[in-house]
Amino acid sequence: MTLARPEGRNGAGGPPAVRIAMWSGPRTVSTALMRAWENRADTAVADEPLYAYYLDRTGIEHPGRDEVIASMPADWRVVLAGLTAGPVPGGAAVYYQKHMTHHLLPEVDRAELAGLRHAFLIRDPRQLLASYARVRSEPSLADLGLEQQAEIFRAFGGPVLDSGDLLRSPRAALEALCGALGVAFDPAMLSWPAGPRPTDGVWAPYWYDGVRASTGFGPYAEPGEAALPPALAELAARCRPFYEELAAGRLTA
């Protein structure tokens, strides 16, 4: 991700790009959705641009931690200045930014997000936790990002997309999302070539095997009631009000 002084879309005072911040938690098909946007000819993407800041500030251990911190700026001010007002890679008309909401620590000035069009990708907390527990057995509320999602939604608004709706009917969901963001739908969003991308974060070898093998959104399987251990069931209950606040306004085809 290249960050430089604020300029127009093409780096020389051209027309402004549409800058989209998509806020999601883990296990929400967020990387597949990034693939869909990147497959548009008019779109550049940024993959979790606040990740280095989050790791550096919290000291948390993630796979490839040192690589991540070395790969991008770790100062949130520098990152957000580039995302909101800096040149867009390739002079693209649309700048799609895939954000994990738990990367948005309390010290980040939310006012600096005002230059973006915000959108939200959500998933039922019980389903999310049943999936996330296979990766990390003792997550916290902060790890899931739902509280931060609700906070950003209250401040800025924006369309809400449920990952189940996206998998159930990709075209209808993407048409609704594009319409809500003021961007024309492009059928190229429905499929993409398999393999890695230069824009993938350096953490991709640890996390992106599934999406690298994909060529589109996978078939939707109707989930049953997720069986959770008591601690995770309690956490799901704590997440529920934030999820329902967001889901109340989710996009429908």
C-alpha atoms as a PDB file:
ATOM      1  CA  MET A   1       0.000   0.000   0.000  1.00  0.00           C
ATOM      2  CA  THR A   2       1.491   3.326  -1.087  1.00  0.00           C
ATOM      3  CA  LEU A   3       0.736   6.337   1.063  1.00  0.00           C
ATOM      4  CA  ALA A   4       1.566   9.848  -0.099  1.00  0.00           C
ATOM      5  CA  ARG A   5       0.338  13.422   0.040  1.00  0.00           C
ATOM      6  CA  PRO A   6      -3.382  14.059  -0.518  1.00  0.00           C
ATOM      7  CA  GLU A   7      -4.228  14.515  -4.190  1.00  0.00           C
ATOM      8  CA  GLY A   8      -6.944  13.708  -6.677  1.00  0.00           C
ATOM      9  CA  ARG A   9      -7.754  10.240  -7.899  1.00  0.00           C
ATOM     10  CA  ASN A  10      -4.933  10.064 -10.399  1.00  0.00           C
ATOM     11  CA  GLY A  11      -2.333  11.778  -8.220  1.00  0.00           C
ATOM     12  CA  ALA A  12      -2.539  15.023 -10.204  1.00  0.00           C
ATOM     13  CA  GLY A  13      -5.763  16.702  -9.207  1.00  0.00           C
ATOM     14  CA  GLY A  14      -8.090  14.379 -11.164  1.00  0.00           C
ATOM     15  CA  PRO A  15     -11.688  13.593 -10.222  1.00  0.00           C
ATOM     16  CA  PRO A  16     -12.090  12.122  -6.736  1.00  0.00           C
ATOM     17  CA  ALA A  17     -12.313   8.385  -6.279  1.00  0.00           C
ATOM     18  CA  VAL A  18     -15.089   6.649  -4.401  1.00  0.00           C
ATOM     19  CA  ARG A  19     -13.322   5.499  -1.226  1.00  0.00           C
ATOM     20  CA  ILE A  20     -15.125   2.595   0.441  1.00  0.00           C
ATOM     21  CA  ALA A  21     -14.297   1.350   3.931  1.00  0.00           C
ATOM     22  CA  MET A  22     -15.806  -2.116   4.423  1.00  0.00           C
ATOM     23  CA  TRP A  23     -15.827  -2.976   8.122  1.00  0.00           C
ATOM     24  CA  SER A  24     -16.069  -6.625   9.119  1.00  0.00           C
ATOM     25  CA  GLY A  25     -15.078  -9.058  11.800  1.00  0.00           C
ATOM     26  CA  PRO A  26     -13.300 -12.375  11.313  1.00  0.00           C
ATOM     27  CA  ARG A  27     -14.885 -15.338   9.523  1.00  0.00           C
ATOM     28  CA  THR A  28     -17.275 -13.247   7.433  1.00  0.00           C
ATOM     29  CA  VAL A  29     -16.084 -13.982   3.830  1.00  0.00           C
ATOM     30  CA  SER A  30     -14.465 -10.547   3.852  1.00  0.00           C
ATOM     31  CA  THR A  31     -11.503 -11.664   1.728  1.00  0.00           C
ATOM     32  CA  ALA A  32     -13.773 -13.182  -0.924  1.00  0.00           C
ATOM     33  CA  LEU A  33     -15.688  -9.898  -1.015  1.00  0.00           C
ATOM     34  CA  MET A  34     -12.374  -8.070  -1.507  1.00  0.00           C
ATOM     35  CA  ARG A  35     -11.648 -10.419  -4.434  1.00  0.00           C
ATOM     36  CA  ALA A  36     -15.001  -9.502  -5.964  1.00  0.00           C
ATOM     37  CA  TRP A  37     -14.209  -5.785  -5.853  1.00  0.00           C
ATOM     38  CA  GLU A  38     -10.652  -6.240  -7.066  1.00  0.00           C
ATOM     39  CA  ASN A  39     -11.887  -8.104 -10.122  1.00  0.00           C
ATOM     40  CA  ARG A  40     -13.505  -4.878 -11.344  1.00  0.00           C
ATOM     41  CA  ALA A  41     -11.414  -2.980 -13.886  1.00  0.00           C
ATOM     42  CA  ASP A  42     -12.121   0.337 -12.131  1.00  0.00           C
ATOM     43  CA  THR A  43     -11.184  -0.665  -8.579  1.00  0.00           C
ATOM     44  CA  ALA A  44      -8.050  -0.791  -6.421  1.00  0.00           C
ATOM     45  CA  VAL A  45      -8.083  -2.535  -3.046  1.00  0.00           C
ATOM     46  CA  ALA A  46      -6.270  -2.225   0.281  1.00  0.00           C
ATOM     47  CA  ASP A  47      -6.044  -5.332   2.453  1.00  0.00           C
ATOM     48  CA  GLU A  48      -6.385  -4.630   6.197  1.00  0.00           C
ATOM     49  CA  PRO A  49      -4.329  -1.421   6.131  1.00  0.00           C
ATOM     50  CA  LEU A  50      -4.492  -0.938   9.924  1.00  0.00           C
ATOM     51  CA  TYR A  51      -3.162  -4.427  10.711  1.00  0.00           C
ATOM     52  CA  ALA A  52       0.460  -3.370  11.343  1.00  0.00           C
ATOM     53  CA  TYR A  53      -0.727  -0.582  13.633  1.00  0.00           C
ATOM     54  CA  TYR A  54      -2.907  -3.016  15.568  1.00  0.00           C
ATOM     55  CA  LEU A  55      -0.136  -5.569  16.042  1.00  0.00           C
ATOM     56  CA  ASP A  56       2.483  -2.966  16.934  1.00  0.00           C
ATOM     57  CA  ARG A  57       0.239  -1.174  19.419  1.00  0.00           C
ATOM     58  CA  THR A  58      -1.185  -4.241  21.171  1.00  0.00           C
ATOM     59  CA  GLY A  59       1.871  -6.500  21.115  1.00  0.00           C
ATOM     60  CA  ILE A  60      -0.411  -9.410  20.301  1.00  0.00           C
ATOM     61  CA  GLU A  61       1.147 -12.462  18.653  1.00  0.00           C
ATOM     62  CA  HIS A  62      -0.245 -13.363  15.239  1.00  0.00           C
ATOM     63  CA  PRO A  63       1.334 -15.544  12.550  1.00  0.00           C
ATOM     64  CA  GLY A  64       3.858 -13.487  10.607  1.00  0.00           C
ATOM     65  CA  ARG A  65       3.661 -10.617  13.094  1.00  0.00           C
ATOM     66  CA  ASP A  66       7.070  -9.124  12.287  1.00  0.00           C
ATOM     67  CA  GLU A  67       6.452  -9.435   8.535  1.00  0.00           C
ATOM     68  CA  VAL A  68       3.157  -7.586   8.844  1.00  0.00           C
ATOM     69  CA  ILE A  69       4.654  -4.722  10.847  1.00  0.00           C
ATOM     70  CA  ALA A  70       7.502  -4.382   8.358  1.00  0.00           C
ATOM     71  CA  SER A  71       5.172  -4.405   5.353  1.00  0.00           C
ATOM     72  CA  MET A  72       3.126  -1.248   5.974  1.00  0.00           C
ATOM     73  CA  PRO A  73       3.009   1.906   8.104  1.00  0.00           C
ATOM     74  CA  ALA A  74       2.263   1.282  11.770  1.00  0.00           C
ATOM     75  CA  ASP A  75       1.115   4.854  12.505  1.00  0.00           C
ATOM     76  CA  TRP A  76      -2.675   5.055  12.192  1.00  0.00           C
ATOM     77  CA  ARG A  77      -2.464   8.766  11.303  1.00  0.00           C
ATOM     78  CA  VAL A  78      -0.295   8.052   8.272  1.00  0.00           C
ATOM     79  CA  VAL A  79      -2.510   5.148   7.222  1.00  0.00           C
ATOM     80  CA  LEU A  80      -5.780   7.059   7.428  1.00  0.00           C
ATOM     81  CA  ALA A  81      -4.340  10.132   5.709  1.00  0.00           C
ATOM     82  CA  GLY A  82      -3.492   7.962   2.722  1.00  0.00           C
ATOM     83  CA  LEU A  83      -6.781   6.093   2.697  1.00  0.00           C
ATOM     84  CA  THR A  84      -8.974   9.166   2.940  1.00  0.00           C
ATOM     85  CA  ALA A  85      -7.088  11.687   0.808  1.00  0.00           C
ATOM     86  CA  GLY A  86      -3.948  10.189  -0.732  1.00  0.00           C
ATOM     87  CA  PRO A  87      -3.508   9.003  -4.322  1.00  0.00           C
ATOM     88  CA  VAL A  88      -5.411   5.846  -5.228  1.00  0.00           C
ATOM     89  CA  PRO A  89      -3.241   3.020  -6.610  1.00  0.00           C
ATOM     90  CA  GLY A  90      -3.314   3.049 -10.392  1.00  0.00           C
ATOM     91  CA  GLY A  91      -5.579   6.098 -10.435  1.00  0.00           C
ATOM     92  CA  ALA A  92      -8.588   3.817  -9.975  1.00  0.00           C
ATOM     93  CA  ALA A  93     -12.078   5.293  -9.798  1.00  0.00           C
ATOM     94  CA  VAL A  94     -12.990   3.122  -6.776  1.00  0.00           C
ATOM     95  CA  TYR A  95     -10.769   2.476  -3.748  1.00  0.00           C
ATOM     96  CA  TYR A  96     -12.090  -0.494  -1.763  1.00  0.00           C
ATOM     97  CA  GLN A  97     -10.579  -0.895   1.695  1.00  0.00           C
ATOM     98  CA  LYS A  98     -11.046  -4.143   3.588  1.00  0.00           C
ATOM     99  CA  HIS A  99     -10.929  -3.332   7.317  1.00  0.00           C
ATOM    100  CA  MET A 100     -11.120  -5.565  10.371  1.00  0.00           C
ATOM    101  CA  THR A 101     -13.058  -3.605  12.966  1.00  0.00           C
ATOM    102  CA  HIS A 102     -10.979  -4.920  15.873  1.00  0.00           C
ATOM    103  CA  HIS A 103      -7.975  -3.107  14.362  1.00  0.00           C
ATOM    104  CA  LEU A 104      -9.691   0.186  15.187  1.00  0.00           C
ATOM    105  CA  LEU A 105      -8.328   0.711  18.701  1.00  0.00           C
ATOM    106  CA  PRO A 106      -9.865   3.382  20.972  1.00  0.00           C
ATOM    107  CA  GLU A 107      -7.048   5.895  20.429  1.00  0.00           C
ATOM    108  CA  VAL A 108      -7.799   6.175  16.701  1.00  0.00           C
ATOM    109  CA  ASP A 109      -9.593   9.477  16.080  1.00  0.00           C
ATOM    110  CA  ARG A 110     -12.894   8.453  14.488  1.00  0.00           C
ATOM    111  CA  ALA A 111     -13.215  11.890  12.905  1.00  0.00           C
ATOM    112  CA  GLU A 112     -10.394  10.884  10.558  1.00  0.00           C
ATOM    113  CA  LEU A 113     -12.760   8.336   8.977  1.00  0.00           C
ATOM    114  CA  ALA A 114     -15.130  11.000   7.690  1.00  0.00           C
ATOM    115  CA  GLY A 115     -13.669  11.007   4.165  1.00  0.00           C
ATOM    116  CA  LEU A 116     -14.809   7.444   3.467  1.00  0.00           C
ATOM    117  CA  ARG A 117     -18.063   5.785   2.423  1.00  0.00           C
ATOM    118  CA  HIS A 118     -18.645   3.167   5.085  1.00  0.00           C
ATOM    119  CA  ALA A 119     -20.202  -0.262   4.691  1.00  0.00           C
ATOM    120  CA  PHE A 120     -20.526  -3.215   7.047  1.00  0.00           C
ATOM    121  CA  LEU A 121     -20.251  -6.976   6.601  1.00  0.00           C
ATOM    122  CA  ILE A 122     -21.861  -8.972   9.411  1.00  0.00           C
ATOM    123  CA  ARG A 123     -22.506 -12.578  10.416  1.00  0.00           C
ATOM    124  CA  ASP A 124     -24.707 -14.163  13.058  1.00  0.00           C
ATOM    125  CA  PRO A 125     -22.583 -14.300  16.242  1.00  0.00           C
ATOM    126  CA  ARG A 126     -23.219 -17.975  16.958  1.00  0.00           C
ATOM    127  CA  GLN A 127     -22.160 -18.973  13.453  1.00  0.00           C
ATOM    128  CA  LEU A 128     -19.203 -16.610  13.597  1.00  0.00           C
ATOM    129  CA  LEU A 129     -17.986 -18.016  16.906  1.00  0.00           C
ATOM    130  CA  ALA A 130     -18.468 -21.632  15.859  1.00  0.00           C
ATOM    131  CA  SER A 131     -16.162 -20.917  12.921  1.00  0.00           C
ATOM    132  CA  TYR A 132     -13.704 -18.692  14.793  1.00  0.00           C
ATOM    133  CA  ALA A 133     -13.279 -21.212  17.608  1.00  0.00           C
ATOM    134  CA  ARG A 134     -11.584 -23.545  15.149  1.00  0.00           C
ATOM    135  CA  VAL A 135      -8.830 -20.946  14.808  1.00  0.00           C
ATOM    136  CA  ARG A 136      -8.746 -19.407  18.285  1.00  0.00           C
ATOM    137  CA  SER A 137     -10.367 -21.165  21.218  1.00  0.00           C
ATOM    138  CA  GLU A 138     -10.756 -18.219  23.622  1.00  0.00           C
ATOM    139  CA  PRO A 139     -11.731 -15.073  21.703  1.00  0.00           C
ATOM    140  CA  SER A 140     -12.850 -11.898  23.419  1.00  0.00           C
ATOM    141  CA  LEU A 141     -15.541  -9.402  22.471  1.00  0.00           C
ATOM    142  CA  ALA A 142     -12.834  -7.037  21.198  1.00  0.00           C
ATOM    143  CA  ASP A 143     -11.442  -9.758  18.891  1.00  0.00           C
ATOM    144  CA  LEU A 144     -14.748  -9.996  17.023  1.00  0.00           C
ATOM    145  CA  GLY A 145     -15.216  -6.308  16.302  1.00  0.00           C
ATOM    146  CA  LEU A 146     -19.008  -6.172  16.565  1.00  0.00           C
ATOM    147  CA  GLU A 147     -18.977  -3.455  19.194  1.00  0.00           C
ATOM    148  CA  GLN A 148     -16.688  -1.333  17.020  1.00  0.00           C
ATOM    149  CA  GLN A 149     -18.876  -2.003  13.972  1.00  0.00           C
ATOM    150  CA  ALA A 150     -21.912  -0.685  15.782  1.00  0.00           C
ATOM    151  CA  GLU A 151     -19.943   2.369  16.924  1.00  0.00           C
ATOM    152  CA  ILE A 152     -18.858   3.221  13.371  1.00  0.00           C
ATOM    153  CA  PHE A 153     -22.370   2.591  12.078  1.00  0.00           C
ATOM    154  CA  ARG A 154     -23.864   5.003  14.603  1.00  0.00           C
ATOM    155  CA  ALA A 155     -21.329   7.673  13.663  1.00  0.00           C
ATOM    156  CA  PHE A 156     -21.398   7.403   9.867  1.00  0.00           C
ATOM    157  CA  GLY A 157     -24.159   5.051   8.756  1.00  0.00           C
ATOM    158  CA  GLY A 158     -23.817   3.049   5.562  1.00  0.00           C
ATOM    159  CA  PRO A 159     -25.139  -0.151   3.993  1.00  0.00           C
ATOM    160  CA  VAL A 160     -25.043  -3.396   5.984  1.00  0.00           C
ATOM    161  CA  LEU A 161     -24.530  -6.703   4.206  1.00  0.00           C
ATOM    162  CA  ASP A 162     -25.064 -10.047   5.920  1.00  0.00           C
ATOM    163  CA  SER A 163     -22.563 -12.686   4.796  1.00  0.00           C
ATOM    164  CA  GLY A 164     -25.353 -15.269   4.666  1.00  0.00           C
ATOM    165  CA  ASP A 165     -27.296 -13.105   2.228  1.00  0.00           C
ATOM    166  CA  LEU A 166     -24.150 -12.646   0.138  1.00  0.00           C
ATOM    167  CA  LEU A 167     -23.513 -16.391  -0.113  1.00  0.00           C
ATOM    168  CA  ARG A 168     -27.181 -17.204  -0.659  1.00  0.00           C
ATOM    169  CA  SER A 169     -27.563 -14.815  -3.596  1.00  0.00           C
ATOM    170  CA  PRO A 170     -24.266 -13.164  -4.604  1.00  0.00           C
ATOM    171  CA  ARG A 171     -25.540 -11.167  -7.565  1.00  0.00           C
ATOM    172  CA  ALA A 172     -28.554  -9.712  -5.783  1.00  0.00           C
ATOM    173  CA  ALA A 173     -26.479  -8.876  -2.698  1.00  0.00           C
ATOM    174  CA  LEU A 174     -23.717  -7.211  -4.709  1.00  0.00           C
ATOM    175  CA  GLU A 175     -26.189  -5.259  -6.819  1.00  0.00           C
ATOM    176  CA  ALA A 176     -27.812  -3.960  -3.639  1.00  0.00           C
ATOM    177  CA  LEU A 177     -24.442  -3.101  -2.084  1.00  0.00           C
ATOM    178  CA  CYS A 178     -23.189  -1.277  -5.162  1.00  0.00           C
ATOM    179  CA  GLY A 179     -26.446   0.638  -5.441  1.00  0.00           C
ATOM    180  CA  ALA A 180     -26.272   1.722  -1.813  1.00  0.00           C
ATOM    181  CA  LEU A 181     -22.690   2.912  -2.282  1.00  0.00           C
ATOM    182  CA  GLY A 182     -23.444   4.827  -5.470  1.00  0.00           C
ATOM    183  CA  VAL A 183     -21.313   2.559  -7.661  1.00  0.00           C
ATOM    184  CA  ALA A 184     -22.540   0.739 -10.761  1.00  0.00           C
ATOM    185  CA  PHE A 185     -22.679  -3.033 -10.368  1.00  0.00           C
ATOM    186  CA  ASP A 186     -20.161  -4.946 -12.491  1.00  0.00           C
ATOM    187  CA  PRO A 187     -20.798  -8.655 -13.300  1.00  0.00           C
ATOM    188  CA  ALA A 188     -17.029  -9.173 -13.022  1.00  0.00           C
ATOM    189  CA  MET A 189     -17.586  -9.183  -9.244  1.00  0.00           C
ATOM    190  CA  LEU A 190     -19.211 -12.607  -9.410  1.00  0.00           C
ATOM    191  CA  SER A 191     -16.084 -14.618 -10.251  1.00  0.00           C
ATOM    192  CA  TRP A 192     -12.319 -14.223 -10.296  1.00  0.00           C
ATOM    193  CA  PRO A 193      -9.187 -16.207 -11.217  1.00  0.00           C
ATOM    194  CA  ALA A 194      -7.797 -18.533  -8.559  1.00  0.00           C
ATOM    195  CA  GLY A 195      -4.456 -17.768  -6.976  1.00  0.00           C
ATOM    196  CA  PRO A 196      -2.684 -15.088  -4.946  1.00  0.00           C
ATOM    197  CA  ARG A 197      -2.779 -11.348  -5.626  1.00  0.00           C
ATOM    198  CA  PRO A 198       0.021  -8.776  -5.274  1.00  0.00           C
ATOM    199  CA  THR A 199      -2.396  -6.761  -3.107  1.00  0.00           C
ATOM    200  CA  ASP A 200      -2.835  -9.589  -0.571  1.00  0.00           C
ATOM    201  CA  GLY A 201      -1.296  -8.804   2.791  1.00  0.00           C
ATOM    202  CA  VAL A 202       1.908 -10.636   3.702  1.00  0.00           C
ATOM    203  CA  TRP A 203      -0.227 -12.649   6.123  1.00  0.00           C
ATOM    204  CA  ALA A 204      -2.040 -14.322   3.209  1.00  0.00           C
ATOM    205  CA  PRO A 205       0.027 -17.555   3.357  1.00  0.00           C
ATOM    206  CA  TYR A 206      -1.247 -18.068   6.900  1.00  0.00           C
ATOM    207  CA  TRP A 207      -4.922 -17.294   6.321  1.00  0.00           C
ATOM    208  CA  TYR A 208      -5.926 -17.194   2.649  1.00  0.00           C
ATOM    209  CA  ASP A 209      -5.606 -20.780   1.409  1.00  0.00           C
ATOM    210  CA  GLY A 210      -9.359 -21.099   0.907  1.00  0.00           C
ATOM    211  CA  VAL A 211      -9.867 -17.841  -0.953  1.00  0.00           C
ATOM    212  CA  ARG A 212      -6.740 -18.375  -3.064  1.00  0.00           C
ATOM    213  CA  ALA A 213      -8.261 -21.636  -4.285  1.00  0.00           C
ATOM    214  CA  SER A 214     -11.637 -20.025  -4.966  1.00  0.00           C
ATOM    215  CA  THR A 215     -13.006 -18.647  -8.223  1.00  0.00           C
ATOM    216  CA  GLY A 216     -16.202 -17.174  -6.794  1.00  0.00           C
ATOM    217  CA  PHE A 217     -18.491 -17.224  -3.795  1.00  0.00           C
ATOM    218  CA  GLY A 218     -19.014 -20.769  -2.541  1.00  0.00           C
ATOM    219  CA  PRO A 219     -22.435 -22.433  -2.429  1.00  0.00           C
ATOM    220  CA  TYR A 220     -24.536 -21.468   0.542  1.00  0.00           C
ATOM    221  CA  ALA A 221     -25.225 -24.186   3.102  1.00  0.00           C
ATOM    222  CA  GLU A 222     -28.082 -23.466   5.501  1.00  0.00           C
ATOM    223  CA  PRO A 223     -26.450 -23.523   8.952  1.00  0.00           C
ATOM    224  CA  GLY A 224     -27.982 -25.365  11.856  1.00  0.00           C
ATOM    225  CA  GLU A 225     -27.960 -24.009  15.377  1.00  0.00           C
ATOM    226  CA  ALA A 226     -24.287 -23.639  16.258  1.00  0.00           C
ATOM    227  CA  ALA A 227     -23.290 -25.793  19.224  1.00  0.00           C
ATOM    228  CA  LEU A 228     -21.071 -23.655  21.434  1.00  0.00           C
ATOM    229  CA  PRO A 229     -19.364 -24.326  24.764  1.00  0.00           C
ATOM    230  CA  PRO A 230     -20.777 -22.235  27.637  1.00  0.00           C
ATOM    231  CA  ALA A 231     -18.069 -19.554  27.480  1.00  0.00           C
ATOM    232  CA  LEU A 232     -18.613 -18.959  23.772  1.00  0.00           C
ATOM    233  CA  ALA A 233     -22.385 -19.093  24.129  1.00  0.00           C
ATOM    234  CA  GLU A 234     -22.098 -16.312  26.703  1.00  0.00           C
ATOM    235  CA  LEU A 235     -19.882 -14.309  24.344  1.00  0.00           C
ATOM    236  CA  ALA A 236     -22.384 -14.817  21.509  1.00  0.00           C
ATOM    237  CA  ALA A 237     -25.103 -13.423  23.760  1.00  0.00           C
ATOM    238  CA  ARG A 238     -22.975 -10.343  24.448  1.00  0.00           C
ATOM    239  CA  CYS A 239     -22.474  -9.863  20.700  1.00  0.00           C
ATOM    240  CA  ARG A 240     -26.160 -10.294  19.881  1.00  0.00           C
ATOM    241  CA  PRO A 241     -27.361  -6.718  20.602  1.00  0.00           C
ATOM    242  CA  PHE A 242     -24.657  -5.219  18.365  1.00  0.00           C
ATOM    243  CA  TYR A 243     -25.420  -7.701  15.596  1.00  0.00           C
ATOM    244  CA  GLU A 244     -29.163  -7.062  15.793  1.00  0.00           C
ATOM    245  CA  GLU A 245     -28.632  -3.296  15.735  1.00  0.00           C
ATOM    246  CA  LEU A 246     -26.740  -3.654  12.469  1.00  0.00           C
ATOM    247  CA  ALA A 247     -28.896  -6.428  11.018  1.00  0.00           C
ATOM    248  CA  ALA A 248     -32.066  -4.369  11.470  1.00  0.00           C
ATOM    249  CA  GLY A 249     -31.014  -2.251   8.525  1.00  0.00           C
ATOM    250  CA  ARG A 250     -29.289  -4.821   6.382  1.00  0.00           C
ATOM    251  CA  LEU A 251     -29.652  -4.747   2.625  1.00  0.00           C
ATOM    252  CA  THR A 252     -32.307  -6.899   1.020  1.00  0.00           C
ATOM    253  CA  ALA A 253     -32.465  -7.897  -2.622  1.00  0.00           C
END
